[in-house]
PDB file of N, CA and C in Angstrom:
ATOM      1  N   UNK A   1       0.973  -1.471  -0.148  1.00  0.00           N
ATOM      2  CA  UNK A   1      -0.063   0.047  -0.125  1.00  0.00           C
ATOM      3  C   UNK A   1       1.044   1.200  -0.039  1.00  0.00           C
ATOM      4  N   UNK A   2       1.840   1.010   0.607  1.00  0.00           N
ATOM      5  CA  UNK A   2       2.309   2.633   0.880  1.00  0.00           C
ATOM      6  C   UNK A   2       3.468   2.903  -0.289  1.00  0.00           C
ATOM      7  N   UNK A   3       3.976   1.373  -0.753  1.00  0.00           N
ATOM      8  CA  UNK A   3       4.727   1.451  -2.053  1.00  0.00           C
ATOM      9  C   UNK A   3       3.938   2.076  -3.131  1.00  0.00           C
ATOM     10  N   UNK A   4       2.438   1.916  -3.472  1.00  0.00           N
ATOM     11  CA  UNK A   4       1.680   2.375  -4.514  1.00  0.00           C
ATOM     12  C   UNK A   4       1.679   4.029  -4.125  1.00  0.00           C
ATOM     13  N   UNK A   5       1.713   4.271  -2.825  1.00  0.00           N
ATOM     14  CA  UNK A   5       1.388   5.944  -2.572  1.00  0.00           C
ATOM     15  C   UNK A   5       2.707   6.375  -3.035  1.00  0.00           C
ATOM     16  N   UNK A   6       3.689   5.702  -2.438  1.00  0.00           N
ATOM     17  CA  UNK A   6       5.157   6.525  -2.929  1.00  0.00           C
ATOM     18  C   UNK A   6       5.078   6.670  -4.416  1.00  0.00           C
ATOM     19  N   UNK A   7       4.640   5.608  -5.115  1.00  0.00           N
ATOM     20  CA  UNK A   7       4.564   5.537  -6.431  1.00  0.00           C
ATOM     21  C   UNK A   7       3.965   6.710  -7.501  1.00  0.00           C
ATOM     22  N   UNK A   8       2.502   6.695  -6.815  1.00  0.00           N
ATOM     23  CA  UNK A   8       1.657   8.264  -6.941  1.00  0.00           C
ATOM     24  C   UNK A   8       2.467   9.427  -6.373  1.00  0.00           C
ATOM     25  N   UNK A   9       2.641   9.665  -5.073  1.00  0.00           N
ATOM     26  CA  UNK A   9       3.580  10.900  -5.093  1.00  0.00           C
ATOM     27  C   UNK A   9       4.966  11.234  -6.529  1.00  0.00           C
ATOM     28  N   UNK A  10       5.057  10.284  -6.233  1.00  0.00           N
ATOM     29  CA  UNK A  10       6.749  10.458  -7.434  1.00  0.00           C
ATOM     30  C   UNK A  10       6.013  10.710  -8.787  1.00  0.00           C
ATOM     31  N   UNK A  11       4.919  10.180  -9.240  1.00  0.00           N
ATOM     32  CA  UNK A  11       4.665  10.118 -10.603  1.00  0.00           C
ATOM     33  C   UNK A  11       3.671  11.430 -10.720  1.00  0.00           C
ATOM     34  N   UNK A  12       3.012  11.513 -10.313  1.00  0.00           N
ATOM     35  CA  UNK A  12       1.916  12.717 -10.413  1.00  0.00           C
ATOM     36  C   UNK A  12       2.424  13.903  -9.562  1.00  0.00           C
ATOM     37  N   UNK A  13       2.692  13.928  -8.706  1.00  0.00           N
ATOM     38  CA  UNK A  13       2.925  15.045  -7.967  1.00  0.00           C
ATOM     39  C   UNK A  13       4.654  15.578  -7.717  1.00  0.00           C
ATOM     40  N   UNK A  14       5.340  14.916  -8.771  1.00  0.00           N
ATOM     41  CA  UNK A  14       6.930  15.557  -8.847  1.00  0.00           C
ATOM     42  C   UNK A  14       7.711  15.302  -7.627  1.00  0.00           C
ATOM     43  N   UNK A  15       7.365  14.419  -6.638  1.00  0.00           N
ATOM     44  CA  UNK A  15       8.267  14.400  -5.527  1.00  0.00           C
ATOM     45  C   UNK A  15       9.369  13.510  -5.636  1.00  0.00           C
ATOM     46  N   UNK A  16      10.584  13.936  -4.766  1.00  0.00           N
ATOM     47  CA  UNK A  16      11.418  12.541  -4.954  1.00  0.00           C
ATOM     48  C   UNK A  16      11.200  11.743  -4.423  1.00  0.00           C
ATOM     49  N   UNK A  17      11.923  10.620  -4.908  1.00  0.00           N
ATOM     50  CA  UNK A  17      11.741   9.222  -4.055  1.00  0.00           C
ATOM     51  C   UNK A  17      11.682   9.418  -2.481  1.00  0.00           C
ATOM     52  N   UNK A  18      13.073   9.822  -2.293  1.00  0.00           N
ATOM     53  CA  UNK A  18      13.134  10.031  -1.007  1.00  0.00           C
ATOM     54  C   UNK A  18      12.178  10.890   0.185  1.00  0.00           C
ATOM     55  N   UNK A  19      11.593  12.046  -0.864  1.00  0.00           N
ATOM     56  CA  UNK A  19      10.393  13.187  -0.110  1.00  0.00           C
ATOM     57  C   UNK A  19       9.674  11.880   0.246  1.00  0.00           C
ATOM     58  N   UNK A  20       8.933  11.546  -0.775  1.00  0.00           N
ATOM     59  CA  UNK A  20       7.437  10.739  -0.738  1.00  0.00           C
ATOM     60  C   UNK A  20       7.858   9.507   0.057  1.00  0.00           C
ATOM     61  N   UNK A  21       9.256   8.741   0.487  1.00  0.00           N
ATOM     62  CA  UNK A  21       9.220   7.480   1.342  1.00  0.00           C
ATOM     63  C   UNK A  21       9.125   7.977   2.689  1.00  0.00           C
ATOM     64  N   UNK A  22       9.839   9.405   2.956  1.00  0.00           N
ATOM     65  CA  UNK A  22       9.744   9.987   4.181  1.00  0.00           C
ATOM     66  C   UNK A  22       8.137  10.501   4.640  1.00  0.00           C
ATOM     67  N   UNK A  23       7.782  10.746   3.876  1.00  0.00           N
ATOM     68  CA  UNK A  23       6.212  11.573   3.763  1.00  0.00           C
ATOM     69  C   UNK A  23       5.357  10.022   4.301  1.00  0.00           C
ATOM     70  N   UNK A  24       5.284   9.062   3.661  1.00  0.00           N
ATOM     71  CA  UNK A  24       4.847   7.971   3.967  1.00  0.00           C
ATOM     72  C   UNK A  24       5.396   6.922   5.125  1.00  0.00           C
ATOM     73  N   UNK A  25       6.593   7.096   5.402  1.00  0.00           N
ATOM     74  CA  UNK A  25       7.220   6.504   6.674  1.00  0.00           C
ATOM     75  C   UNK A  25       7.857   5.066   5.878  1.00  0.00           C
ATOM     76  N   UNK A  26       7.735   4.707   4.672  1.00  0.00           N
ATOM     77  CA  UNK A  26       8.248   3.859   3.787  1.00  0.00           C
ATOM     78  C   UNK A  26       9.787   4.151   3.612  1.00  0.00           C
ATOM     79  N   UNK A  27      10.748   2.995   4.069  1.00  0.00           N
ATOM     80  CA  UNK A  27      12.123   3.264   4.067  1.00  0.00           C
ATOM     81  C   UNK A  27      12.302   3.243   2.489  1.00  0.00           C
ATOM     82  N   UNK A  28      13.642   3.801   2.174  1.00  0.00           N
ATOM     83  CA  UNK A  28      13.616   4.113   0.838  1.00  0.00           C
ATOM     84  C   UNK A  28      14.387   2.781   0.170  1.00  0.00           C
ATOM     85  N   UNK A  29      15.290   2.071   1.024  1.00  0.00           N
ATOM     86  CA  UNK A  29      15.479   0.966   0.394  1.00  0.00           C
ATOM     87  C   UNK A  29      14.180  -0.494   0.546  1.00  0.00           C
ATOM     88  N   UNK A  30      13.397  -0.199   1.149  1.00  0.00           N
ATOM     89  CA  UNK A  30      12.467  -0.985   0.699  1.00  0.00           C
ATOM     90  C   UNK A  30      11.505  -0.391  -0.603  1.00  0.00           C
ATOM     91  N   UNK A  31      11.254   0.434  -1.101  1.00  0.00           N
ATOM     92  CA  UNK A  31      10.339   1.091  -1.952  1.00  0.00           C
ATOM     93  C   UNK A  31      11.591   0.677  -3.302  1.00  0.00           C
ATOM     94  N   UNK A  32      13.109   0.848  -3.330  1.00  0.00           N
ATOM     95  CA  UNK A  32      13.808   0.351  -4.566  1.00  0.00           C
ATOM     96  C   UNK A  32      13.953  -1.132  -4.183  1.00  0.00           C
ATOM     97  N   UNK A  33      13.669  -1.690  -3.548  1.00  0.00           N
ATOM     98  CA  UNK A  33      14.225  -3.009  -3.428  1.00  0.00           C
ATOM     99  C   UNK A  33      12.807  -3.995  -4.543  1.00  0.00           C
ATOM    100  N   UNK A  34      13.721  -4.750  -5.370  1.00  0.00           N
ATOM    101  CA  UNK A  34      12.833  -5.563  -6.326  1.00  0.00           C
ATOM    102  C   UNK A  34      11.801  -6.706  -5.702  1.00  0.00           C
ATOM    103  N   UNK A  35      10.601  -6.423  -5.573  1.00  0.00           N
ATOM    104  CA  UNK A  35      10.029  -7.424  -5.051  1.00  0.00           C
ATOM    105  C   UNK A  35       9.731  -9.329  -5.975  1.00  0.00           C
ATOM    106  N   UNK A  36      10.072 -10.294  -5.200  1.00  0.00           N
ATOM    107  CA  UNK A  36       9.965 -11.548  -5.863  1.00  0.00           C
ATOM    108  C   UNK A  36       8.760 -11.934  -5.922  1.00  0.00           C
ATOM    109  N   UNK A  37       8.517 -12.632  -7.115  1.00  0.00           N
ATOM    110  CA  UNK A  37       6.892 -13.316  -7.142  1.00  0.00           C
ATOM    111  C   UNK A  37       7.083 -14.106  -6.549  1.00  0.00           C
ATOM    112  N   UNK A  38       5.695 -15.019  -5.743  1.00  0.00           N
ATOM    113  CA  UNK A  38       5.783 -15.887  -5.092  1.00  0.00           C
ATOM    114  C   UNK A  38       6.328 -17.001  -5.994  1.00  0.00           C
ATOM    115  N   UNK A  39       6.152 -16.803  -7.346  1.00  0.00           N
ATOM    116  CA  UNK A  39       6.303 -18.278  -8.088  1.00  0.00           C
ATOM    117  C   UNK A  39       8.005 -18.235  -8.181  1.00  0.00           C
ATOM    118  N   UNK A  40       8.613 -17.133  -8.375  1.00  0.00           N
ATOM    119  CA  UNK A  40       9.566 -17.516  -8.570  1.00  0.00           C
ATOM    120  C   UNK A  40      10.455 -17.794  -7.419  1.00  0.00           C
ATOM    121  N   UNK A  41      10.003 -17.252  -6.163  1.00  0.00           N
ATOM    122  CA  UNK A  41      10.618 -17.474  -4.618  1.00  0.00           C
ATOM    123  C   UNK A  41      10.691 -18.848  -4.604  1.00  0.00           C
ATOM    124  N   UNK A  42       9.418 -19.859  -5.231  1.00  0.00           N
ATOM    125  CA  UNK A  42       9.263 -21.216  -4.620  1.00  0.00           C
ATOM    126  C   UNK A  42       9.767 -21.995  -5.525  1.00  0.00           C
ATOM    127  N   UNK A  43      10.004 -21.556  -6.895  1.00  0.00           N
ATOM    128  CA  UNK A  43      10.530 -21.787  -7.929  1.00  0.00           C
ATOM    129  C   UNK A  43      10.967 -23.569  -7.900  1.00  0.00           C
ATOM    130  N   UNK A  44      12.278 -22.905  -7.278  1.00  0.00           N
ATOM    131  CA  UNK A  44      13.095 -24.727  -7.189  1.00  0.00           C
ATOM    132  C   UNK A  44      12.524 -25.671  -6.375  1.00  0.00           C
ATOM    133  N   UNK A  45      11.609 -25.402  -5.385  1.00  0.00           N
ATOM    134  CA  UNK A  45      10.965 -26.322  -4.397  1.00  0.00           C
ATOM    135  C   UNK A  45       9.634 -26.980  -5.098  1.00  0.00           C
ATOM    136  N   UNK A  46       9.225 -26.167  -6.410  1.00  0.00           N
ATOM    137  CA  UNK A  46       7.616 -26.406  -7.347  1.00  0.00           C
ATOM    138  C   UNK A  46       8.655 -27.590  -8.338  1.00  0.00           C
ATOM    139  N   UNK A  47       9.696 -27.221  -8.867  1.00  0.00           N
ATOM    140  CA  UNK A  47      10.417 -27.910  -9.559  1.00  0.00           C
ATOM    141  C   UNK A  47      10.805 -29.457  -8.907  1.00  0.00           C
ATOM    142  N   UNK A  48      11.278 -29.203  -7.716  1.00  0.00           N
ATOM    143  CA  UNK A  48      11.444 -31.031  -7.468  1.00  0.00           C
ATOM    144  C   UNK A  48      10.312 -31.520  -6.940  1.00  0.00           C
ATOM    145  N   UNK A  49       9.343 -30.934  -6.458  1.00  0.00           N
ATOM    146  CA  UNK A  49       8.132 -31.676  -6.299  1.00  0.00           C
ATOM    147  C   UNK A  49       7.378 -31.780  -7.506  1.00  0.00           C
ATOM    148  N   UNK A  50       7.414 -31.450  -8.693  1.00  0.00           N
ATOM    149  CA  UNK A  50       6.884 -31.565 -10.184  1.00  0.00           C
ATOM    150  C   UNK A  50       7.997 -32.958 -10.823  1.00  0.00           C
ATOM    151  N   UNK A  51       9.367 -33.000 -10.359  1.00  0.00           N
ATOM    152  CA  UNK A  51       9.898 -34.324 -10.749  1.00  0.00           C
ATOM    153  C   UNK A  51       9.742 -35.208 -10.004  1.00  0.00           C
ATOM    154  N   UNK A  52       9.428 -35.066  -8.162  1.00  0.00           N
ATOM    155  CA  UNK A  52       9.293 -36.590  -7.635  1.00  0.00           C
ATOM    156  C   UNK A  52       7.790 -36.846  -8.296  1.00  0.00           C
ATOM    157  N   UNK A  53       6.860 -36.234  -8.678  1.00  0.00           N
ATOM    158  CA  UNK A  53       5.476 -36.739  -9.038  1.00  0.00           C
ATOM    159  C   UNK A  53       5.563 -37.735 -10.241  1.00  0.00           C
ATOM    160  N   UNK A  54       6.470 -36.901 -11.144  1.00  0.00           N
ATOM    161  CA  UNK A  54       6.489 -37.607 -12.566  1.00  0.00           C
ATOM    162  C   UNK A  54       7.508 -38.951 -11.784  1.00  0.00           C
ATOM    163  N   UNK A  55       8.544 -39.006 -11.651  1.00  0.00           N
ATOM    164  CA  UNK A  55       8.887 -40.403 -11.219  1.00  0.00           C
ATOM    165  C   UNK A  55       8.278 -40.882 -10.645  1.00  0.00           C
ATOM    166  N   UNK A  56       7.063 -40.513  -9.704  1.00  0.00           N
ATOM    167  CA  UNK A  56       6.159 -41.629  -9.208  1.00  0.00           C
ATOM    168  C   UNK A  56       4.987 -42.009 -10.005  1.00  0.00           C
ATOM    169  N   UNK A  57       4.672 -41.305 -11.400  1.00  0.00           N
ATOM    170  CA  UNK A  57       4.120 -41.838 -12.001  1.00  0.00           C
ATOM    171  C   UNK A  57       4.366 -42.441 -13.238  1.00  0.00           C
ATOM    172  N   UNK A  58       5.633 -42.117 -13.592  1.00  0.00           N
ATOM    173  CA  UNK A  58       6.221 -43.212 -14.462  1.00  0.00           C
ATOM    174  C   UNK A  58       6.664 -44.636 -13.814  1.00  0.00           C
ATOM    175  N   UNK A  59       6.810 -44.921 -12.633  1.00  0.00           N
ATOM    176  CA  UNK A  59       7.392 -46.115 -11.673  1.00  0.00           C
ATOM    177  C   UNK A  59       5.874 -47.018 -12.040  1.00  0.00           C
ATOM    178  N   UNK A  60       4.648 -46.043 -11.641  1.00  0.00           N
ATOM    179  CA  UNK A  60       3.409 -46.489 -11.027  1.00  0.00           C
ATOM    180  C   UNK A  60       3.178 -46.940 -12.592  1.00  0.00           C
ATOM    181  N   UNK A  61       3.149 -46.397 -13.598  1.00  0.00           N
ATOM    182  CA  UNK A  61       2.407 -46.775 -15.369  1.00  0.00           C
ATOM    183  C   UNK A  61       3.441 -47.965 -15.984  1.00  0.00           C
ATOM    184  N   UNK A  62       4.658 -48.095 -15.387  1.00  0.00           N
ATOM    185  CA  UNK A  62       5.566 -49.265 -16.047  1.00  0.00           C
ATOM    186  C   UNK A  62       4.873 -50.258 -15.587  1.00  0.00           C
ATOM    187  N   UNK A  63       4.484 -51.692 -16.475  1.00  0.00           N
ATOM    188  CA  UNK A  63       4.347 -52.765 -16.096  1.00  0.00           C
ATOM    189  C   UNK A  63       5.521 -53.368 -15.161  1.00  0.00           C
ATOM    190  N   UNK A  64       4.843 -54.399 -14.089  1.00  0.00           N
ATOM    191  CA  UNK A  64       5.865 -54.799 -13.181  1.00  0.00           C
ATOM    192  C   UNK A  64       6.521 -55.766 -13.913  1.00  0.00           C
ATOM    193  N   UNK A  65       7.730 -56.448 -13.576  1.00  0.00           N
ATOM    194  CA  UNK A  65       8.516 -56.987 -14.306  1.00  0.00           C
ATOM    195  C   UNK A  65       8.126 -58.485 -13.694  1.00  0.00           C
ATOM    196  N   UNK A  66       7.812 -59.453 -14.441  1.00  0.00           N
ATOM    197  CA  UNK A  66       7.381 -60.835 -14.109  1.00  0.00           C
ATOM    198  C   UNK A  66       8.528 -61.477 -13.204  1.00  0.00           C
ATOM    199  N   UNK A  67       7.842 -62.408 -12.020  1.00  0.00           N
ATOM    200  CA  UNK A  67       8.822 -62.906 -11.436  1.00  0.00           C
ATOM    201  C   UNK A  67       9.587 -64.038 -12.119  1.00  0.00           C
ATOM    202  N   UNK A  68      10.571 -63.804 -11.179  1.00  0.00           N
ATOM    203  CA  UNK A  68      11.781 -64.796 -11.885  1.00  0.00           C
ATOM    204  C   UNK A  68      11.267 -66.591 -11.669  1.00  0.00           C
ATOM    205  N   UNK A  69      11.754 -67.001 -12.903  1.00  0.00           N
ATOM    206  CA  UNK A  69      11.026 -68.591 -12.939  1.00  0.00           C
ATOM    207  C   UNK A  69      12.193 -69.386 -12.164  1.00  0.00           C
ATOM    208  N   UNK A  70      12.170 -70.421 -11.251  1.00  0.00           N
ATOM    209  CA  UNK A  70      13.159 -70.892 -10.377  1.00  0.00           C
ATOM    210  C   UNK A  70      13.030 -72.299 -11.577  1.00  0.00           C
ATOM    211  N   UNK A  71      14.291 -72.520 -11.932  1.00  0.00           N
ATOM    212  CA  UNK A  71      14.739 -74.234 -12.575  1.00  0.00           C
ATOM    213  C   UNK A  71      15.298 -74.661 -11.564  1.00  0.00           C
ATOM    214  N   UNK A  72      14.406 -75.871 -11.345  1.00  0.00           N
ATOM    215  CA  UNK A  72      15.025 -77.224 -10.191  1.00  0.00           C
ATOM    216  C   UNK A  72      15.845 -77.861 -11.404  1.00  0.00           C
ATOM    217  N   UNK A  73      16.852 -78.446 -11.002  1.00  0.00           N
ATOM    218  CA  UNK A  73      17.477 -79.419 -11.370  1.00  0.00           C
ATOM    219  C   UNK A  73      17.651 -80.703 -10.726  1.00  0.00           C
TER     220      UNK A  73
END
């Protein structure tokens, strides 16, 4: 919310980022920090879960190998 207010103050009212951040109480470093999207943040975990799921599906879809037959001599 504060980030959006700072954005409006900077773009529409021509305030500097420092002044807009001071007025809203948002640290300038927090305003300048690039936010990571949730899917980007969890991408490694999601990829690993997808690989594990695929491995399980492949294992379940392949037919079981026939049991070994014992040859009596």
